[in-house]
Each structure stands twice: as C-alpha cells, then as structure tokens.
Amino acid sequence: FGISVAVGVIFGLYPARRAAAMNPIDALRHVA
C-alpha cells in the first residue's frame, strides 16, 4: 500500500510540477 501511494505521488506531482513550469495553455493542450 505504501509503495503504491509513493508511486502515485511521484507520477502525480512530477508531471503537475513540470506542467506548472510550462505555459498553462500548452500544459492543458498536452494533457488533453
């Protein structure tokens, strides 16, 4: 359970933090 939570946090926060560094419009376009 702890490992799955850690993996979820890593794969959830890293792209969000990278998208925050980019242009929000480009980030939304990349996600969608």
PDB file of N, CA and C in Angstrom:
ATOM      1  N   PHE A   1       0.838  -1.206   0.000  1.00  0.00           N
ATOM      2  CA  PHE A   1       0.000   0.000   0.000  1.00  0.00           C
ATOM      3  C   PHE A   1       0.870   1.252   0.000  1.00  0.00           C
ATOM      4  N   GLY A   2       1.900   1.265   0.824  1.00  0.00           N
ATOM      5  CA  GLY A   2       2.777   2.433   0.888  1.00  0.00           C
ATOM      6  C   GLY A   2       3.507   2.666  -0.420  1.00  0.00           C
ATOM      7  N   ILE A   3       3.900   1.572  -1.070  1.00  0.00           N
ATOM      8  CA  ILE A   3       4.630   1.714  -2.339  1.00  0.00           C
ATOM      9  C   ILE A   3       3.712   2.298  -3.406  1.00  0.00           C
ATOM     10  N   SER A   4       2.478   1.808  -3.460  1.00  0.00           N
ATOM     11  CA  SER A   4       1.548   2.316  -4.471  1.00  0.00           C
ATOM     12  C   SER A   4       1.242   3.791  -4.228  1.00  0.00           C
ATOM     13  N   VAL A   5       1.161   4.183  -2.959  1.00  0.00           N
ATOM     14  CA  VAL A   5       0.928   5.595  -2.645  1.00  0.00           C
ATOM     15  C   VAL A   5       2.126   6.430  -3.083  1.00  0.00           C
ATOM     16  N   ALA A   6       3.330   5.936  -2.821  1.00  0.00           N
ATOM     17  CA  ALA A   6       4.531   6.678  -3.203  1.00  0.00           C
ATOM     18  C   ALA A   6       4.608   6.818  -4.720  1.00  0.00           C
ATOM     19  N   VAL A   7       4.312   5.740  -5.438  1.00  0.00           N
ATOM     20  CA  VAL A   7       4.349   5.793  -6.903  1.00  0.00           C
ATOM     21  C   VAL A   7       3.291   6.766  -7.418  1.00  0.00           C
ATOM     22  N   GLY A   8       2.108   6.741  -6.802  1.00  0.00           N
ATOM     23  CA  GLY A   8       1.053   7.658  -7.224  1.00  0.00           C
ATOM     24  C   GLY A   8       1.442   9.103  -6.986  1.00  0.00           C
ATOM     25  N   VAL A   9       2.097   9.369  -5.862  1.00  0.00           N
ATOM     26  CA  VAL A   9       2.516  10.738  -5.560  1.00  0.00           C
ATOM     27  C   VAL A   9       3.596  11.187  -6.538  1.00  0.00           C
ATOM     28  N   ILE A  10       4.547  10.308  -6.826  1.00  0.00           N
ATOM     29  CA  ILE A  10       5.637  10.669  -7.737  1.00  0.00           C
ATOM     30  C   ILE A  10       5.088  10.947  -9.135  1.00  0.00           C
ATOM     31  N   PHE A  11       4.284  10.015  -9.654  1.00  0.00           N
ATOM     32  CA  PHE A  11       3.768  10.184 -11.011  1.00  0.00           C
ATOM     33  C   PHE A  11       2.643  11.211 -11.065  1.00  0.00           C
ATOM     34  N   GLY A  12       2.141  11.645  -9.905  1.00  0.00           N
ATOM     35  CA  GLY A  12       1.099  12.664  -9.888  1.00  0.00           C
ATOM     36  C   GLY A  12       1.670  14.059  -9.729  1.00  0.00           C
ATOM     37  N   LEU A  13       2.703  14.199  -8.889  1.00  0.00           N
ATOM     38  CA  LEU A  13       3.252  15.528  -8.624  1.00  0.00           C
ATOM     39  C   LEU A  13       4.278  15.936  -9.672  1.00  0.00           C
ATOM     40  N   TYR A  14       5.073  14.986 -10.184  1.00  0.00           N
ATOM     41  CA  TYR A  14       6.122  15.367 -11.134  1.00  0.00           C
ATOM     42  C   TYR A  14       5.545  15.984 -12.412  1.00  0.00           C
ATOM     43  N   PRO A  15       4.561  15.351 -13.063  1.00  0.00           N
ATOM     44  CA  PRO A  15       4.010  15.996 -14.269  1.00  0.00           C
ATOM     45  C   PRO A  15       3.296  17.305 -13.942  1.00  0.00           C
ATOM     46  N   ALA A  16       2.645  17.378 -12.784  1.00  0.00           N
ATOM     47  CA  ALA A  16       1.945  18.611 -12.418  1.00  0.00           C
ATOM     48  C   ALA A  16       2.945  19.734 -12.197  1.00  0.00           C
ATOM     49  N   ARG A  17       4.056  19.421 -11.537  1.00  0.00           N
ATOM     50  CA  ARG A  17       5.072  20.442 -11.279  1.00  0.00           C
ATOM     51  C   ARG A  17       5.738  20.852 -12.586  1.00  0.00           C
ATOM     52  N   ARG A  18       5.963  19.887 -13.490  1.00  0.00           N
ATOM     53  CA  ARG A  18       6.572  20.212 -14.780  1.00  0.00           C
ATOM     54  C   ARG A  18       5.599  21.038 -15.623  1.00  0.00           C
ATOM     55  N   ALA A  19       4.302  20.715 -15.547  1.00  0.00           N
ATOM     56  CA  ALA A  19       3.311  21.473 -16.307  1.00  0.00           C
ATOM     57  C   ALA A  19       3.194  22.888 -15.758  1.00  0.00           C
ATOM     58  N   ALA A  20       3.354  23.053 -14.448  1.00  0.00           N
ATOM     59  CA  ALA A  20       3.273  24.380 -13.843  1.00  0.00           C
ATOM     60  C   ALA A  20       4.430  25.250 -14.324  1.00  0.00           C
ATOM     61  N   ALA A  21       5.552  24.626 -14.650  1.00  0.00           N
ATOM     62  CA  ALA A  21       6.704  25.386 -15.130  1.00  0.00           C
ATOM     63  C   ALA A  21       6.503  25.798 -16.586  1.00  0.00           C
ATOM     64  N   MET A  22       5.649  25.066 -17.300  1.00  0.00           N
ATOM     65  CA  MET A  22       5.411  25.397 -18.700  1.00  0.00           C
ATOM     66  C   MET A  22       4.277  26.408 -18.808  1.00  0.00           C
ATOM     67  N   ASN A  23       3.943  26.740 -20.044  1.00  0.00           N
ATOM     68  CA  ASN A  23       2.805  27.615 -20.290  1.00  0.00           C
ATOM     69  C   ASN A  23       1.524  26.850 -19.960  1.00  0.00           C
ATOM     70  N   PRO A  24       0.630  27.418 -19.164  1.00  0.00           N
ATOM     71  CA  PRO A  24      -0.593  26.686 -18.789  1.00  0.00           C
ATOM     72  C   PRO A  24      -1.396  26.227 -19.997  1.00  0.00           C
ATOM     73  N   ILE A  25      -1.421  27.016 -21.054  1.00  0.00           N
ATOM     74  CA  ILE A  25      -2.177  26.625 -22.250  1.00  0.00           C
ATOM     75  C   ILE A  25      -1.529  25.402 -22.888  1.00  0.00           C
ATOM     76  N   ASP A  26      -0.199  25.405 -22.989  1.00  0.00           N
ATOM     77  CA  ASP A  26       0.494  24.255 -23.561  1.00  0.00           C
ATOM     78  C   ASP A  26       0.313  23.035 -22.673  1.00  0.00           C
ATOM     79  N   ALA A  27       0.280  23.241 -21.356  1.00  0.00           N
ATOM     80  CA  ALA A  27       0.106  22.122 -20.437  1.00  0.00           C
ATOM     81  C   ALA A  27      -1.273  21.506 -20.619  1.00  0.00           C
ATOM     82  N   LEU A  28      -2.303  22.344 -20.707  1.00  0.00           N
ATOM     83  CA  LEU A  28      -3.658  21.822 -20.896  1.00  0.00           C
ATOM     84  C   LEU A  28      -3.772  21.121 -22.243  1.00  0.00           C
ATOM     85  N   ARG A  29      -3.135  21.672 -23.268  1.00  0.00           N
ATOM     86  CA  ARG A  29      -3.200  21.052 -24.592  1.00  0.00           C
ATOM     87  C   ARG A  29      -2.476  19.709 -24.574  1.00  0.00           C
ATOM     88  N   HIS A  30      -1.371  19.622 -23.816  1.00  0.00           N
ATOM     89  CA  HIS A  30      -0.610  18.372 -23.746  1.00  0.00           C
ATOM     90  C   HIS A  30      -1.401  17.312 -22.996  1.00  0.00           C
ATOM     91  N   VAL A  31      -2.104  17.720 -21.935  1.00  0.00           N
ATOM     92  CA  VAL A  31      -2.895  16.756 -21.166  1.00  0.00           C
ATOM     93  C   VAL A  31      -4.092  16.299 -21.981  1.00  0.00           C
ATOM     94  N   ALA A  32      -4.774  17.237 -22.646  1.00  0.00           N
ATOM     95  CA  ALA A  32      -5.967  16.892 -23.422  1.00  0.00           C
ATOM     96  C   ALA A  32      -5.558  16.408 -24.808  1.00  0.00           C
TER      97      ALA A  32
END
